[in-house]
């Protein structure tokens, strides 16, 4: 079998996921285990990977999946705790009344507040918060869902305190000799290399994402305005760009100087601190207020199956500062645990658990449970319980509501991670082949050559669209992207940054995000319509990133 045929066979695991999820419309809980089985079969019988290597990859994948599930649980539990304590209601109320202009409201609630929630929690939680809030202040349910989907692009690479990079990219490159060789040549450790990847991602996102609020308001006015007018959206261009820069400048600076954990969290918090007071004072707010047509004129497809109404101020709302305190503490504690000049980081990382040479192979599984972000989530949950004077029954409900959401992700996420590790670790074989990602990279580099930077984001996009996760997309395709970059002789960290950009853009249109977002307001069966409405923003983001990649790599 020649190299081209092996490259085609290496595509089969990815094609299997696509066919099962998109063509056959199978649920991820069924599609991903089947795709994992196909990957194992190709590893054993085509690549001739020893069974011990496949089994060791499974163990390594289980550890990585356990870390991701721990993060998901911590994020959901913190969110549920704030809902039970009444903090979310207070946060919502503090964001209302800033402006009557819907273009301003969507920039603040969806773009800035949604991004902040993504930075703290990730995994689709902006939809849980932002979509009901937008509906409650008078947005059509369809408009609210589309807004929440569009903003799940720029913030997602650093969502859940950097999980897509510090877990996704890291697991995708871990233990690969070609990666270790280049890191040695560069004089970098893997965490330092991840920071460089985050820097590239931050720069690309910072440029493309600055214009996303403008894209958002244009989508809003053309899709849901009485005049269906692009001009109505462009009329808010000054405020939209102001909102964009208020997020992307601190976001990019954080990615460059601090690391991949905090860009979205800090960008959202700083952006809210700048834009909300500015909007209250009328700074750059359009002179003519834009609103939706009267509710009686809304098409049936705009509305949810649930009663829609406005949030009414409650006499018992806690003060806004008290409601925001857990998120402020989360950011502060996380930063204290990540600064290299403080001893806290070393203390947490000292609890490292390693299983080397699993089943006699060179595969290693390693975890640092106390250094993972959810450990801080749990600390903040405990503080919130006392500061917000919660009852044990409320905390009990918060935990119980987190478990079913976790159970829904276990099978699909676990199988996806196991598939990724088997795919990546196929380089140890008796057929004399490179791993499947590197074999695929060889084929793609021969076809595209130096134009690959344009196509790199599309690969990440497809990964998120198929797998429903930026983290899993990065895990599956990071080694592939690394291999193509090596083959064509360009900066590997930049190509991996483009992978992160594309994966985040795919987050806009992935089926699981659409289903989760529409479920929050009772929409059902609208996946096709929603997908068509967010297709152009997805194309904008991916194409713009690809063009930037070509431009930057020509210069650098």
Protein backbone atom coordinates (compact mmCIF):
# COMPACT_ATOMS: atom_id res chain seq x y z
CA UNK A 1 0.00 0.00 0.00
CA UNK A 2 1.57 3.30 -1.07
CA UNK A 3 1.70 6.52 0.91
CA UNK A 4 -1.38 8.04 -0.71
CA UNK A 5 -3.52 5.03 0.18
CA UNK A 6 -2.30 5.07 3.75
CA UNK A 7 -3.19 8.78 3.92
CA UNK A 8 -6.69 7.93 2.69
CA UNK A 9 -7.04 5.19 5.28
CA UNK A 10 -5.92 7.63 8.00
CA UNK A 11 -8.92 9.80 7.09
CA UNK A 12 -11.36 6.95 7.82
CA UNK A 13 -11.71 7.53 11.62
CA UNK A 14 -12.52 11.20 11.03
CA UNK A 15 -14.83 10.40 8.12
CA UNK A 16 -16.61 7.84 10.30
CA UNK A 17 -17.44 10.50 12.88
CA UNK A 18 -18.69 12.84 10.16
CA UNK A 19 -20.85 10.22 8.49
CA UNK A 20 -22.38 8.95 11.71
CA UNK A 21 -23.10 12.36 13.22
CA UNK A 22 -24.00 14.41 10.16
CA UNK A 23 -25.21 12.01 7.50
CA UNK A 24 -26.72 9.24 9.64
CA UNK A 25 -27.72 11.75 12.37
CA UNK A 26 -26.72 9.39 15.15
CA UNK A 27 -26.35 10.84 18.67
CA UNK A 28 -22.78 11.47 19.79
CA UNK A 29 -23.18 8.86 22.54
CA UNK A 30 -23.57 6.24 19.82
CA UNK A 31 -21.39 7.72 17.06
CA UNK A 32 -18.21 8.27 19.07
CA UNK A 33 -17.94 4.72 20.49
CA UNK A 34 -18.41 3.34 16.96
CA UNK A 35 -15.76 5.71 15.64
CA UNK A 36 -13.44 4.60 18.44
CA UNK A 37 -14.00 0.97 17.45
CA UNK A 38 -13.14 1.80 13.81
CA UNK A 39 -9.96 3.59 14.94
CA UNK A 40 -8.92 0.60 17.05
CA UNK A 41 -9.55 -1.74 14.10
CA UNK A 42 -7.41 0.33 11.73
CA UNK A 43 -4.67 0.61 14.35
CA UNK A 44 -4.53 -3.14 14.93
CA UNK A 45 -5.00 -4.51 11.42
CA UNK A 46 -3.70 -1.82 9.03
CA UNK A 47 -1.10 0.05 11.08
CA UNK A 48 -0.27 -3.18 12.96
CA UNK A 49 -0.06 -1.43 16.30
CA UNK A 50 0.55 -3.91 19.14
CA UNK A 51 -2.52 -4.56 21.29
CA UNK A 52 -0.62 -3.44 24.39
CA UNK A 53 -0.06 -0.03 22.74
CA UNK A 54 -3.77 0.32 21.91
CA UNK A 55 -4.74 -0.70 25.46
CA UNK A 56 -2.21 1.73 26.97
CA UNK A 57 -3.60 4.50 24.76
CA UNK A 58 -7.03 3.69 26.16
CA UNK A 59 -5.77 4.11 29.72
CA UNK A 60 -4.09 7.38 28.80
CA UNK A 61 -7.33 8.52 27.19
CA UNK A 62 -9.35 7.62 30.28
CA UNK A 63 -7.10 9.82 32.43
CA UNK A 64 -7.48 12.75 30.00
CA UNK A 65 -11.24 12.21 29.80
CA UNK A 66 -11.42 12.12 33.59
CA UNK A 67 -9.67 15.50 33.77
CA UNK A 68 -12.11 17.03 31.28
CA UNK A 69 -15.13 15.58 33.09
CA UNK A 70 -13.76 16.97 36.36
CA UNK A 71 -13.59 20.40 34.71
CA UNK A 72 -17.14 20.04 33.34
CA UNK A 73 -18.44 19.07 36.79
CA UNK A 74 -16.70 21.96 38.52
CA UNK A 75 -17.98 24.48 35.97
CA UNK A 76 -21.57 23.23 36.12
CA UNK A 77 -21.56 23.02 39.91
CA UNK A 78 -20.35 26.63 40.26
CA UNK A 79 -23.02 27.81 37.84
CA UNK A 80 -25.74 25.83 39.63
CA UNK A 81 -24.57 27.16 43.00
CA UNK A 82 -24.88 30.75 41.79
CA UNK A 83 -28.32 30.02 40.40
CA UNK A 84 -29.48 28.48 43.67
CA UNK A 85 -28.04 31.32 45.77
CA UNK A 86 -29.79 33.97 43.67
CA UNK A 87 -26.53 35.44 42.37
CA UNK A 88 -27.40 34.83 38.70
CA UNK A 89 -30.70 36.68 39.09
CA UNK A 90 -28.84 39.63 40.59
CA UNK A 91 -26.19 39.56 37.86
CA UNK A 92 -28.92 39.52 35.22
CA UNK A 93 -30.66 42.46 36.84
CA UNK A 94 -27.42 44.45 37.04
CA UNK A 95 -27.05 44.12 33.27
CA UNK A 96 -30.59 45.31 32.50
CA UNK A 97 -31.53 48.92 31.94
CA UNK A 98 -28.16 49.90 30.48
CA UNK A 99 -29.72 50.84 27.12
CA UNK A 100 -32.98 50.32 25.26
CA UNK A 101 -31.11 49.76 21.98
CA UNK A 102 -31.11 46.04 21.18
CA UNK A 103 -27.75 46.35 19.39
CA UNK A 104 -26.19 47.65 22.59
CA UNK A 105 -27.93 45.02 24.69
CA UNK A 106 -26.69 42.12 22.54
CA UNK A 107 -23.12 43.45 22.62
CA UNK A 108 -23.17 43.60 26.42
CA UNK A 109 -25.17 40.49 27.31
CA UNK A 110 -24.13 38.05 24.55
CA UNK A 111 -20.66 39.28 23.58
CA UNK A 112 -19.21 40.48 26.89
CA UNK A 113 -21.18 38.66 29.57
CA UNK A 114 -21.43 35.49 27.46
CA UNK A 115 -17.68 35.57 26.85
CA UNK A 116 -17.00 36.05 30.56
CA UNK A 117 -19.16 33.00 31.36
CA UNK A 118 -17.31 31.03 28.65
CA UNK A 119 -13.98 31.97 30.20
CA UNK A 120 -15.09 30.82 33.64
CA UNK A 121 -17.10 27.74 32.74
CA UNK A 122 -16.98 26.87 29.05
CA UNK A 123 -18.71 23.78 27.67
CA UNK A 124 -21.76 25.62 26.33
CA UNK A 125 -22.66 27.43 29.56
CA UNK A 126 -23.03 30.87 27.87
CA UNK A 127 -26.20 29.54 26.28
CA UNK A 128 -27.58 28.52 29.67
CA UNK A 129 -27.17 32.08 30.97
CA UNK A 130 -27.24 34.46 28.02
CA UNK A 131 -30.09 32.98 25.98
CA UNK A 132 -32.76 33.06 28.72
CA UNK A 133 -31.56 36.53 29.74
CA UNK A 134 -31.92 37.90 26.22
CA UNK A 135 -35.39 36.36 25.90
CA UNK A 136 -36.37 37.80 29.26
CA UNK A 137 -35.47 41.35 28.19
CA UNK A 138 -37.51 41.09 25.00
CA UNK A 139 -35.47 39.28 22.35
CA UNK A 140 -37.16 36.70 20.11
CA UNK A 141 -36.01 33.24 21.19
CA UNK A 142 -34.49 32.60 17.76
CA UNK A 143 -32.50 35.84 17.90
CA UNK A 144 -31.27 35.04 21.41
CA UNK A 145 -30.05 31.58 20.39
CA UNK A 146 -28.27 32.87 17.26
CA UNK A 147 -26.56 35.61 19.30
CA UNK A 148 -25.28 33.10 21.87
CA UNK A 149 -24.02 30.78 19.14
CA UNK A 150 -22.12 33.51 17.25
CA UNK A 151 -20.18 34.66 20.30
CA UNK A 152 -19.00 31.12 21.09
CA UNK A 153 -16.03 31.64 18.79
CA UNK A 154 -13.49 34.20 20.00
CA UNK A 155 -13.74 33.26 23.70
CA UNK A 156 -13.77 29.48 23.17
CA UNK A 157 -10.03 28.87 22.61
CA UNK A 158 -9.46 30.00 26.19
CA UNK A 159 -12.81 28.84 27.57
CA UNK A 160 -13.12 26.98 30.87
CA UNK A 161 -9.89 28.62 32.02
CA UNK A 162 -7.89 27.54 28.96
CA UNK A 163 -9.01 23.90 28.79
CA UNK A 164 -8.94 23.65 24.95
CA UNK A 165 -5.22 24.47 24.99
CA UNK A 166 -3.89 23.29 28.36
CA UNK A 167 -5.78 19.98 28.06
CA UNK A 168 -6.75 19.64 24.38
CA UNK A 169 -3.57 20.68 22.59
CA UNK A 170 -1.38 19.29 25.35
CA UNK A 171 -2.97 15.83 25.13
CA UNK A 172 -2.77 15.95 21.34
CA UNK A 173 1.00 16.47 21.40
CA UNK A 174 2.01 14.65 24.58
CA UNK A 175 4.64 11.93 24.32
CA UNK A 176 5.29 12.31 20.55
CA UNK A 177 8.98 12.11 19.69
CA UNK A 178 8.77 14.62 16.81
CA UNK A 179 7.24 17.16 19.18
CA UNK A 180 9.79 16.49 21.89
CA UNK A 181 12.60 16.91 19.35
CA UNK A 182 11.36 20.29 18.21
CA UNK A 183 10.83 21.49 21.77
CA UNK A 184 14.42 20.51 22.52
CA UNK A 185 15.58 22.47 19.45
CA UNK A 186 13.57 25.49 20.57
CA UNK A 187 14.69 25.18 24.19
CA UNK A 188 11.08 25.08 25.43
CA UNK A 189 9.16 22.89 27.83
CA UNK A 190 5.71 21.74 26.74
CA UNK A 191 3.89 24.25 29.03
CA UNK A 192 6.04 27.05 27.55
CA UNK A 193 5.21 25.81 24.05
CA UNK A 194 1.49 25.83 24.91
CA UNK A 195 1.86 29.46 25.97
CA UNK A 196 3.41 30.31 22.58
CA UNK A 197 0.50 28.57 20.83
CA UNK A 198 -1.87 30.61 22.99
CA UNK A 199 -0.02 33.79 21.99
CA UNK A 200 -0.56 33.05 18.29
CA UNK A 201 -4.20 32.15 18.94
CA UNK A 202 -4.65 35.34 20.96
CA UNK A 203 -3.25 37.52 18.17
CA UNK A 204 -5.38 35.88 15.44
CA UNK A 205 -8.51 35.93 17.60
CA UNK A 206 -7.79 39.49 18.67
CA UNK A 207 -7.93 40.69 15.06
CA UNK A 208 -10.83 38.56 13.81
CA UNK A 209 -12.83 38.83 17.03
CA UNK A 210 -12.71 42.62 17.18
CA UNK A 211 -15.20 42.74 14.31
CA UNK A 212 -17.45 39.98 15.68
CA UNK A 213 -19.82 42.32 17.60
CA UNK A 214 -20.37 44.20 14.33
CA UNK A 215 -21.11 40.91 12.56
CA UNK A 216 -23.46 40.07 15.42
CA UNK A 217 -25.49 43.28 15.21
CA UNK A 218 -25.72 43.06 11.40
CA UNK A 219 -27.03 39.49 11.69
CA UNK A 220 -29.54 40.77 14.26
CA UNK A 221 -30.83 43.69 12.17
CA UNK A 222 -30.95 41.79 8.87
CA UNK A 223 -32.61 38.74 10.34
CA UNK A 224 -34.95 40.27 12.91
CA UNK A 225 -35.49 43.92 11.99
CA UNK A 226 -38.64 45.33 10.47
CA UNK A 227 -36.61 46.54 7.47
CA UNK A 228 -34.20 43.54 7.33
CA UNK A 229 -31.53 46.18 6.92
CA UNK A 230 -27.74 45.87 6.89
CA UNK A 231 -27.61 49.65 7.30
CA UNK A 232 -29.35 49.40 10.69
CA UNK A 233 -26.54 47.16 11.89
CA UNK A 234 -23.76 49.25 10.38
CA UNK A 235 -25.22 52.33 12.09
CA UNK A 236 -23.91 50.89 15.36
CA UNK A 237 -20.40 50.28 14.01
CA UNK A 238 -18.68 52.65 16.41
CA UNK A 239 -20.19 51.06 19.50
CA UNK A 240 -19.72 47.55 18.08
CA UNK A 241 -16.01 48.09 17.44
CA UNK A 242 -15.65 49.74 20.84
CA UNK A 243 -17.21 46.67 22.46
CA UNK A 244 -14.97 44.44 20.34
CA UNK A 245 -11.76 46.22 21.28
CA UNK A 246 -12.75 46.46 24.96
CA UNK A 247 -12.68 42.66 25.02
CA UNK A 248 -9.97 41.76 22.52
CA UNK A 249 -7.24 44.14 23.72
CA UNK A 250 -7.08 42.80 27.32
CA UNK A 251 -7.75 39.32 25.90
CA UNK A 252 -4.77 39.42 23.54
CA UNK A 253 -2.46 41.05 26.08
CA UNK A 254 -3.38 38.39 28.65
CA UNK A 255 -2.70 35.58 26.15
CA UNK A 256 0.68 37.13 25.34
CA UNK A 257 1.96 38.01 28.80
CA UNK A 258 0.20 35.65 31.24
CA UNK A 259 -0.87 32.45 29.51
CA UNK A 260 -3.80 30.51 28.05
CA UNK A 261 -5.88 30.20 31.23
CA UNK A 262 -7.10 33.78 31.57
CA UNK A 263 -7.59 35.67 28.26
CA UNK A 264 -11.34 35.11 27.99
CA UNK A 265 -12.00 35.52 31.71
CA UNK A 266 -10.05 38.79 31.95
CA UNK A 267 -11.24 40.05 28.56
CA UNK A 268 -14.87 39.58 29.55
CA UNK A 269 -14.46 41.14 32.99
CA UNK A 270 -12.48 44.15 31.73
CA UNK A 271 -14.83 44.56 28.79
CA UNK A 272 -17.89 44.65 31.03
CA UNK A 273 -16.15 47.14 33.31
CA UNK A 274 -15.48 49.46 30.36
CA UNK A 275 -18.53 49.07 28.14
CA UNK A 276 -21.38 49.00 30.67
CA UNK A 277 -20.58 52.43 32.21
CA UNK A 278 -19.87 53.82 28.73
CA UNK A 279 -23.22 52.61 27.43
CA UNK A 280 -25.03 54.07 30.46
CA UNK A 281 -23.51 57.45 29.64
CA UNK A 282 -24.40 57.12 25.95
CA UNK A 283 -20.79 56.90 24.73
CA UNK A 284 -20.81 55.89 21.02
CA UNK A 285 -24.38 54.60 21.39
CA UNK A 286 -26.31 55.25 18.12
CA UNK A 287 -28.53 58.30 18.25
CA UNK A 288 -31.52 56.36 16.88
CA UNK A 289 -32.64 53.44 19.03
CA UNK A 290 -33.18 50.16 17.17
CA UNK A 291 -35.73 47.59 18.31
CA UNK A 292 -37.50 44.49 17.05
CA UNK A 293 -40.93 44.78 15.44
CA UNK A 294 -43.97 44.55 17.71
CA UNK A 295 -44.36 41.06 19.13
CA UNK A 296 -47.61 40.57 17.20
CA UNK A 297 -45.60 40.80 13.97
CA UNK A 298 -43.09 38.11 14.87
CA UNK A 299 -43.15 34.99 12.68
CA UNK A 300 -43.94 31.80 14.57
CA UNK A 301 -40.38 30.52 14.04
CA UNK A 302 -38.97 33.39 16.15
CA UNK A 303 -40.76 32.40 19.35
CA UNK A 304 -40.17 29.63 21.84
CA UNK A 305 -42.62 27.08 23.14
CA UNK A 306 -42.32 28.62 26.60
CA UNK A 307 -43.97 31.81 27.80
CA UNK A 308 -41.71 34.79 27.21
CA UNK A 309 -41.64 37.69 29.57
CA UNK A 310 -39.48 40.31 31.13
CA UNK A 311 -37.44 39.83 34.25
CA UNK A 312 -39.07 41.77 37.04
CA UNK A 313 -36.89 43.21 39.76
CA UNK A 314 -37.26 41.21 42.95
CA UNK A 315 -37.13 42.84 46.34
CA UNK A 316 -34.92 40.05 47.66
CA UNK A 317 -32.15 40.35 45.06
CA UNK A 318 -28.72 40.34 46.68
CA UNK A 319 -26.43 43.31 46.02
CA UNK A 320 -24.65 43.15 42.68
CA UNK A 321 -21.17 43.25 44.27
CA UNK A 322 -22.04 40.20 46.35
CA UNK A 323 -23.41 38.35 43.34
CA UNK A 324 -20.28 39.05 41.25
CA UNK A 325 -17.91 38.21 44.12
CA UNK A 326 -17.59 34.45 43.33
CA UNK A 327 -16.48 35.19 39.76
CA UNK A 328 -14.02 37.82 40.98
CA UNK A 329 -12.65 35.31 43.51
CA UNK A 330 -12.43 32.66 40.81
CA UNK A 331 -10.28 34.92 38.64
CA UNK A 332 -8.07 36.05 41.50
CA UNK A 333 -7.47 32.58 42.95
CA UNK A 334 -6.76 31.11 39.51
CA UNK A 335 -4.22 33.83 38.78
CA UNK A 336 -2.53 33.30 42.15
CA UNK A 337 -2.19 29.59 41.39
CA UNK A 338 -0.72 30.23 37.90
CA UNK A 339 1.93 32.88 38.58
CA UNK A 340 5.37 31.27 38.42
CA UNK A 341 6.90 33.65 40.97
CA UNK A 342 4.51 32.48 43.70
CA UNK A 343 5.00 29.16 45.53
CA UNK A 344 1.32 28.16 45.24
CA UNK A 345 1.78 26.84 41.72
CA UNK A 346 4.61 24.56 42.80
CA UNK A 347 2.66 23.29 45.80
CA UNK A 348 -0.32 22.30 43.64
CA UNK A 349 1.83 20.75 40.91
CA UNK A 350 3.80 18.72 43.44
CA UNK A 351 0.83 16.35 43.70
CA UNK A 352 1.59 14.68 40.37
CA UNK A 353 0.41 11.13 39.76
CA UNK A 354 2.16 9.26 36.97
CA UNK A 355 1.73 5.81 35.42
CA UNK A 356 4.78 5.24 33.25
CA UNK A 357 5.32 2.43 30.74
CA UNK A 358 1.70 1.36 30.79
CA UNK A 359 1.44 -2.36 29.91
CA UNK A 360 5.13 -2.35 29.01
CA UNK A 361 4.83 0.41 26.41
CA UNK A 362 6.31 3.90 26.33
CA UNK A 363 2.87 5.41 26.91
CA UNK A 364 2.56 7.48 30.10
CA UNK A 365 -0.51 8.81 31.86
CA UNK A 366 -0.04 11.80 34.15
CA UNK A 367 -2.39 14.04 36.10
CA UNK A 368 -2.10 16.95 38.54
CA UNK A 369 -5.59 17.02 40.08
CA UNK A 370 -5.03 19.91 42.49
CA UNK A 371 -3.62 22.12 39.72
CA UNK A 372 -6.65 21.61 37.47
CA UNK A 373 -9.10 24.57 37.35
CA UNK A 374 -12.06 22.71 38.90
CA UNK A 375 -10.19 22.45 42.20
CA UNK A 376 -10.45 26.24 42.34
CA UNK A 377 -14.09 26.01 41.22
CA UNK A 378 -14.83 23.81 44.23
CA UNK A 379 -13.04 26.22 46.59
CA UNK A 380 -15.14 29.10 45.22
CA UNK A 381 -18.30 26.99 45.58
CA UNK A 382 -17.47 26.42 49.25
CA UNK A 383 -16.83 30.15 49.82
CA UNK A 384 -20.05 31.03 47.99
CA UNK A 385 -22.06 28.68 50.19
CA UNK A 386 -21.11 30.70 53.27
CA UNK A 387 -20.91 34.20 51.76
CA UNK A 388 -24.34 33.87 50.13
CA UNK A 389 -25.88 32.30 53.25
CA UNK A 390 -27.11 29.25 51.37
CA UNK A 391 -29.15 26.46 52.87
CA UNK A 392 -27.93 22.84 52.70
CA UNK A 393 -30.99 21.97 50.59
CA UNK A 394 -30.00 24.54 47.96
CA UNK A 395 -26.46 23.16 47.78
CA UNK A 396 -27.91 19.66 47.53
CA UNK A 397 -30.02 20.72 44.52
CA UNK A 398 -26.98 22.33 42.87
CA UNK A 399 -25.05 19.06 43.10
CA UNK A 400 -27.96 16.89 41.96
CA UNK A 401 -28.61 19.10 38.93
CA UNK A 402 -24.95 18.86 37.91
CA UNK A 403 -24.86 15.07 37.81
CA UNK A 404 -27.38 14.46 34.98
CA UNK A 405 -25.63 17.02 32.79
CA UNK A 406 -22.35 15.25 33.48
CA UNK A 407 -23.83 11.86 32.67
CA UNK A 408 -24.93 13.08 29.24
CA UNK A 409 -21.33 13.80 28.27
CA UNK A 410 -19.55 10.78 29.75
CA UNK A 411 -19.96 8.27 26.93
CA UNK A 412 -19.53 10.65 23.98
CA UNK A 413 -16.63 12.58 25.52
CA UNK A 414 -14.89 9.48 26.87
CA UNK A 415 -15.05 7.67 23.52
CA UNK A 416 -13.88 10.79 21.66
CA UNK A 417 -10.81 11.15 23.88
CA UNK A 418 -9.96 7.44 23.66
CA UNK A 419 -10.29 7.64 19.89
CA UNK A 420 -7.98 10.67 19.79
CA UNK A 421 -5.28 8.98 21.89
CA UNK A 422 -5.43 5.77 19.81
CA UNK A 423 -5.23 7.88 16.64
CA UNK A 424 -2.22 9.81 17.97
CA UNK A 425 -0.31 6.86 19.46
CA UNK A 426 -0.47 4.74 16.29
CA UNK A 427 3.14 5.65 15.49
CA UNK A 428 4.37 2.58 17.40
CA UNK A 429 3.69 -0.20 14.89
CA UNK A 430 5.27 -3.07 12.99
CA UNK A 431 4.26 -1.71 9.57
CA UNK A 432 6.98 0.94 9.62
CA UNK A 433 4.50 3.81 9.38
CA UNK A 434 4.22 7.19 10.99
CA UNK A 435 1.21 7.72 13.23
CA UNK A 436 -2.12 8.27 11.49
CA UNK A 437 -2.08 12.06 12.07
CA UNK A 438 1.46 12.39 10.68
CA UNK A 439 0.65 10.12 7.72
CA UNK A 440 -2.37 12.27 6.97
CA UNK A 441 -0.19 15.37 7.37
CA UNK A 442 2.27 14.06 4.80
CA UNK A 443 -0.52 13.63 2.28
CA UNK A 444 -2.01 17.06 2.92
CA UNK A 445 1.35 18.85 2.78
CA UNK A 446 2.02 17.33 -0.64
CA UNK A 447 -1.31 18.66 -1.90
CA UNK A 448 -1.40 22.15 -0.39
CA UNK A 449 2.24 23.12 0.17
CA UNK A 450 2.74 26.63 1.55
CA UNK A 451 -0.95 27.47 1.16
CA UNK A 452 -1.71 25.25 4.16
CA UNK A 453 -2.03 28.17 6.65
CA UNK A 454 -5.23 29.14 4.82
CA UNK A 455 -6.68 25.63 5.21
CA UNK A 456 -5.52 25.00 8.78
CA UNK A 457 -8.52 26.75 10.44
CA UNK A 458 -10.93 24.71 8.30
CA UNK A 459 -9.55 21.49 9.80
CA UNK A 460 -10.12 22.79 13.33
CA UNK A 461 -13.58 23.93 12.26
CA UNK A 462 -14.51 20.49 10.99
CA UNK A 463 -13.18 18.94 14.21
CA UNK A 464 -15.44 21.04 16.43
CA UNK A 465 -18.40 20.65 14.09
CA UNK A 466 -18.04 16.87 14.16
CA UNK A 467 -16.90 16.30 17.75
CA UNK A 468 -18.94 19.12 19.33
CA UNK A 469 -15.96 20.31 21.37
CA UNK A 470 -13.08 22.72 20.82
CA UNK A 471 -11.02 20.66 23.28
CA UNK A 472 -11.59 17.38 21.43
CA UNK A 473 -10.94 19.02 18.04
CA UNK A 474 -7.59 20.27 19.35
CA UNK A 475 -6.83 16.87 20.83
CA UNK A 476 -7.59 15.05 17.57
CA UNK A 477 -5.90 17.40 15.11
CA UNK A 478 -3.01 19.09 16.92
CA UNK A 479 -0.47 16.44 15.92
CA UNK A 480 -1.79 16.48 12.36
CA UNK A 481 -1.41 20.27 12.16
CA UNK A 482 2.03 20.04 13.76
CA UNK A 483 3.07 17.47 11.18
CA UNK A 484 1.93 19.56 8.21
CA UNK A 485 3.76 22.60 9.62
CA UNK A 486 6.96 20.55 9.88
CA UNK A 487 6.57 19.22 6.35
CA UNK A 488 6.14 22.65 4.77
CA UNK A 489 8.69 24.36 7.03
CA UNK A 490 6.56 26.97 8.81
CA UNK A 491 6.18 27.88 12.48
CA UNK A 492 4.40 24.98 14.15
CA UNK A 493 3.03 27.10 17.01
CA UNK A 494 1.37 29.45 14.50
CA UNK A 495 -0.32 26.58 12.67
CA UNK A 496 -1.51 25.18 15.99
CA UNK A 497 -2.82 28.64 16.83
CA UNK A 498 -4.82 28.52 13.58
CA UNK A 499 -6.10 25.09 14.60
CA UNK A 500 -7.41 26.66 17.80
CA UNK A 501 -9.04 29.50 15.83
CA UNK A 502 -10.78 27.12 13.47
CA UNK A 503 -11.96 24.88 16.29
CA UNK A 504 -13.49 27.91 18.00
CA UNK A 505 -15.22 29.00 14.78
CA UNK A 506 -16.65 25.49 14.45
CA UNK A 507 -18.14 25.97 17.89
CA UNK A 508 -20.65 28.40 16.33
CA UNK A 509 -22.16 25.78 14.10
CA UNK A 510 -21.65 22.46 15.90
CA UNK A 511 -24.85 20.48 16.40
CA UNK A 512 -24.46 19.89 20.13
CA UNK A 513 -24.14 23.63 20.82
CA UNK A 514 -27.18 24.40 18.69
CA UNK A 515 -29.29 21.77 20.45
CA UNK A 516 -28.17 22.94 23.90
CA UNK A 517 -28.82 26.61 23.11
CA UNK A 518 -32.28 26.10 21.67
CA UNK A 519 -33.28 23.82 24.53
CA UNK A 520 -32.78 26.64 27.06
CA UNK A 521 -35.77 28.54 25.64
CA UNK A 522 -37.95 25.69 24.45
CA UNK A 523 -37.16 25.81 20.74
CA UNK A 524 -37.18 22.40 19.12
CA UNK A 525 -36.57 21.05 15.63
CA UNK A 526 -34.93 24.28 14.43
CA UNK A 527 -31.41 22.93 14.01
CA UNK A 528 -31.39 23.28 10.21
CA UNK A 529 -32.73 26.83 10.28
CA UNK A 530 -30.28 27.89 13.01
CA UNK A 531 -27.38 26.29 11.19
CA UNK A 532 -28.18 28.24 8.03
CA UNK A 533 -28.42 31.51 9.97
CA UNK A 534 -25.01 31.11 11.63
CA UNK A 535 -23.25 29.73 8.54
CA UNK A 536 -22.07 33.12 7.24
CA UNK A 537 -20.52 34.21 10.59
CA UNK A 538 -18.74 30.84 10.71
CA UNK A 539 -17.40 31.32 7.17
CA UNK A 540 -16.35 34.89 8.01
CA UNK A 541 -14.38 33.73 11.02
CA UNK A 542 -12.68 30.78 9.32
CA UNK A 543 -11.78 32.54 6.06
CA UNK A 544 -10.52 35.69 7.82
CA UNK A 545 -8.34 33.54 10.11
CA UNK A 546 -6.98 31.59 7.15
CA UNK A 547 -6.07 34.76 5.26
CA UNK A 548 -4.38 36.15 8.38
CA UNK A 549 -2.45 32.90 8.73
CA UNK A 550 -1.10 33.19 5.18
CA UNK A 551 -0.23 36.87 5.69
CA UNK A 552 1.49 36.39 9.07
CA UNK A 553 3.53 33.40 7.94
CA UNK A 554 4.66 35.21 4.80
CA UNK A 555 5.96 37.98 7.07
CA UNK A 556 7.34 35.81 9.87
